[in-house]
Amino acid sequence: MELSIIPLGKGTSISKLLAPALREFEKRKVKHVYTSMCTVFEANSIEEAFNLVKVAHEAAFNAGVERVVTTVKVDDRRDVKRSMEDKVESLKKAIRETQ
């Protein structure tokens, strides 16, 4: 799942406002990767994934933000188990093969 939380109305620097929300991933020991634009994480079920989104969204409000825009992108594949690393490796392999 890809998650982007945008706290509004508290200035242009948002790192300190996002930290409590993103700390939830570490607290719950969820496999995740922070990027400059979003957080990508793995969950065992869609319920677990959306629950974490809710917790992170609420944590932004608890940090004092009055408005939060949260976007989510779901990649839910059930025929085969793949990790984030598997997907990246598959892409790197395809790039090598097309050179």
C-alpha atoms as a PDB file:
ATOM      1  CA  MET A   1       0.000   0.000   0.000  1.00  0.00           C
ATOM      2  CA  GLU A   2       1.131   3.526  -0.740  1.00  0.00           C
ATOM      3  CA  LEU A   3       0.175   6.208   1.765  1.00  0.00           C
ATOM      4  CA  SER A   4       0.575   9.957   1.547  1.00  0.00           C
ATOM      5  CA  ILE A   5      -0.500  12.206   4.408  1.00  0.00           C
ATOM      6  CA  ILE A   6      -0.608  15.953   3.804  1.00  0.00           C
ATOM      7  CA  PRO A   7      -1.170  18.131   6.863  1.00  0.00           C
ATOM      8  CA  LEU A   8      -2.611  21.515   5.861  1.00  0.00           C
ATOM      9  CA  GLY A   9      -2.558  24.917   7.487  1.00  0.00           C
ATOM     10  CA  LYS A  10       0.562  24.648   9.638  1.00  0.00           C
ATOM     11  CA  GLY A  11       3.267  25.989   7.311  1.00  0.00           C
ATOM     12  CA  THR A  12       5.402  24.554   4.565  1.00  0.00           C
ATOM     13  CA  SER A  13       7.648  22.263   6.621  1.00  0.00           C
ATOM     14  CA  ILE A  14       5.692  19.152   7.542  1.00  0.00           C
ATOM     15  CA  SER A  15       8.287  16.668   8.839  1.00  0.00           C
ATOM     16  CA  LYS A  16       7.479  17.284  12.508  1.00  0.00           C
ATOM     17  CA  LEU A  17       3.769  17.017  11.775  1.00  0.00           C
ATOM     18  CA  LEU A  18       4.207  13.702   9.931  1.00  0.00           C
ATOM     19  CA  ALA A  19       6.575  12.113  12.446  1.00  0.00           C
ATOM     20  CA  PRO A  20       3.842  10.997  14.904  1.00  0.00           C
ATOM     21  CA  ALA A  21       1.816   9.464  12.074  1.00  0.00           C
ATOM     22  CA  LEU A  22       4.760   7.611  10.593  1.00  0.00           C
ATOM     23  CA  ARG A  23       6.013   6.497  13.988  1.00  0.00           C
ATOM     24  CA  GLU A  24       2.952   4.230  14.030  1.00  0.00           C
ATOM     25  CA  PHE A  25       4.615   1.997  11.411  1.00  0.00           C
ATOM     26  CA  GLU A  26       7.620   1.470  13.665  1.00  0.00           C
ATOM     27  CA  LYS A  27       5.513   1.035  16.773  1.00  0.00           C
ATOM     28  CA  ARG A  28       3.543  -1.740  15.054  1.00  0.00           C
ATOM     29  CA  LYS A  29       6.657  -3.249  13.410  1.00  0.00           C
ATOM     30  CA  VAL A  30       5.111  -2.899   9.936  1.00  0.00           C
ATOM     31  CA  LYS A  31       7.479  -3.362   7.012  1.00  0.00           C
ATOM     32  CA  HIS A  32       7.678   0.042   5.333  1.00  0.00           C
ATOM     33  CA  VAL A  33       9.796   2.386   3.224  1.00  0.00           C
ATOM     34  CA  TYR A  34       9.690   6.147   3.562  1.00  0.00           C
ATOM     35  CA  THR A  35      10.220   8.150   0.395  1.00  0.00           C
ATOM     36  CA  SER A  36      10.277  11.883  -0.235  1.00  0.00           C
ATOM     37  CA  MET A  37       6.680  11.734  -1.494  1.00  0.00           C
ATOM     38  CA  CYS A  38       4.972   8.863   0.306  1.00  0.00           C
ATOM     39  CA  THR A  39       5.294   5.803   2.508  1.00  0.00           C
ATOM     40  CA  VAL A  40       4.999   2.316   1.052  1.00  0.00           C
ATOM     41  CA  PHE A  41       4.183  -0.528   3.412  1.00  0.00           C
ATOM     42  CA  GLU A  42       3.158  -4.174   3.512  1.00  0.00           C
ATOM     43  CA  ALA A  43       0.344  -5.654   5.542  1.00  0.00           C
ATOM     44  CA  ASN A  44      -0.967  -9.176   6.028  1.00  0.00           C
ATOM     45  CA  SER A  45      -4.522  -8.209   5.140  1.00  0.00           C
ATOM     46  CA  ILE A  46      -6.470  -5.346   3.638  1.00  0.00           C
ATOM     47  CA  GLU A  47      -8.094  -4.810   7.041  1.00  0.00           C
ATOM     48  CA  GLU A  48      -4.696  -4.419   8.691  1.00  0.00           C
ATOM     49  CA  ALA A  49      -3.586  -2.013   5.957  1.00  0.00           C
ATOM     50  CA  PHE A  50      -6.622   0.264   6.232  1.00  0.00           C
ATOM     51  CA  ASN A  51      -6.464   0.173  10.012  1.00  0.00           C
ATOM     52  CA  LEU A  52      -2.898   1.466   9.870  1.00  0.00           C
ATOM     53  CA  VAL A  53      -3.964   4.193   7.433  1.00  0.00           C
ATOM     54  CA  LYS A  54      -6.656   5.254   9.907  1.00  0.00           C
ATOM     55  CA  VAL A  55      -4.226   5.275  12.832  1.00  0.00           C
ATOM     56  CA  ALA A  56      -1.649   7.322  10.888  1.00  0.00           C
ATOM     57  CA  HIS A  57      -4.322   9.747   9.650  1.00  0.00           C
ATOM     58  CA  GLU A  58      -5.593  10.295  13.200  1.00  0.00           C
ATOM     59  CA  ALA A  59      -2.045  10.713  14.523  1.00  0.00           C
ATOM     60  CA  ALA A  60      -1.629  13.731  12.240  1.00  0.00           C
ATOM     61  CA  PHE A  61      -4.680  15.333  13.857  1.00  0.00           C
ATOM     62  CA  ASN A  62      -3.340  14.451  17.297  1.00  0.00           C
ATOM     63  CA  ALA A  63      -0.149  16.348  16.365  1.00  0.00           C
ATOM     64  CA  GLY A  64      -2.220  19.529  16.175  1.00  0.00           C
ATOM     65  CA  VAL A  65      -3.106  19.650  12.502  1.00  0.00           C
ATOM     66  CA  GLU A  66      -6.602  20.927  11.776  1.00  0.00           C
ATOM     67  CA  ARG A  67      -6.909  19.550   8.246  1.00  0.00           C
ATOM     68  CA  VAL A  68      -5.370  16.385   6.783  1.00  0.00           C
ATOM     69  CA  VAL A  69      -5.496  15.088   3.231  1.00  0.00           C
ATOM     70  CA  THR A  70      -4.636  11.390   3.022  1.00  0.00           C
ATOM     71  CA  THR A  71      -4.299   9.470  -0.222  1.00  0.00           C
ATOM     72  CA  VAL A  72      -3.981   5.709  -0.520  1.00  0.00           C
ATOM     73  CA  LYS A  73      -3.040   3.423  -3.381  1.00  0.00           C
ATOM     74  CA  VAL A  74      -3.658  -0.297  -2.960  1.00  0.00           C
ATOM     75  CA  ASP A  75      -1.846  -3.097  -4.790  1.00  0.00           C
ATOM     76  CA  ASP A  76      -3.651  -6.228  -3.644  1.00  0.00           C
ATOM     77  CA  ARG A  77      -2.431  -9.390  -5.332  1.00  0.00           C
ATOM     78  CA  ARG A  78      -3.703 -12.666  -3.923  1.00  0.00           C
ATOM     79  CA  ASP A  79      -2.610 -15.288  -6.434  1.00  0.00           C
ATOM     80  CA  VAL A  80       1.019 -15.128  -5.342  1.00  0.00           C
ATOM     81  CA  LYS A  81       2.836 -13.637  -2.359  1.00  0.00           C
ATOM     82  CA  ARG A  82       5.264 -10.859  -3.342  1.00  0.00           C
ATOM     83  CA  SER A  83       7.202  -8.399  -1.223  1.00  0.00           C
ATOM     84  CA  MET A  84       8.154  -4.830  -2.012  1.00  0.00           C
ATOM     85  CA  GLU A  85      11.682  -6.032  -2.707  1.00  0.00           C
ATOM     86  CA  ASP A  86      10.429  -8.707  -5.109  1.00  0.00           C
ATOM     87  CA  LYS A  87       8.630  -6.083  -7.165  1.00  0.00           C
ATOM     88  CA  VAL A  88      11.681  -3.829  -7.327  1.00  0.00           C
ATOM     89  CA  GLU A  89      13.929  -6.745  -8.305  1.00  0.00           C
ATOM     90  CA  SER A  90      11.519  -7.758 -11.048  1.00  0.00           C
ATOM     91  CA  LEU A  91      11.618  -4.234 -12.433  1.00  0.00           C
ATOM     92  CA  LYS A  92      15.438  -4.052 -12.235  1.00  0.00           C
ATOM     93  CA  LYS A  93      15.683  -7.389 -14.050  1.00  0.00           C
ATOM     94  CA  ALA A  94      13.377  -6.146 -16.819  1.00  0.00           C
ATOM     95  CA  ILE A  95      15.508  -3.006 -17.180  1.00  0.00           C
ATOM     96  CA  ARG A  96      18.706  -5.073 -17.459  1.00  0.00           C
ATOM     97  CA  GLU A  97      17.124  -7.350 -20.031  1.00  0.00           C
ATOM     98  CA  THR A  98      16.085  -4.447 -22.253  1.00  0.00           C
ATOM     99  CA  GLN A  99      19.553  -2.852 -22.379  1.00  0.00           C
END
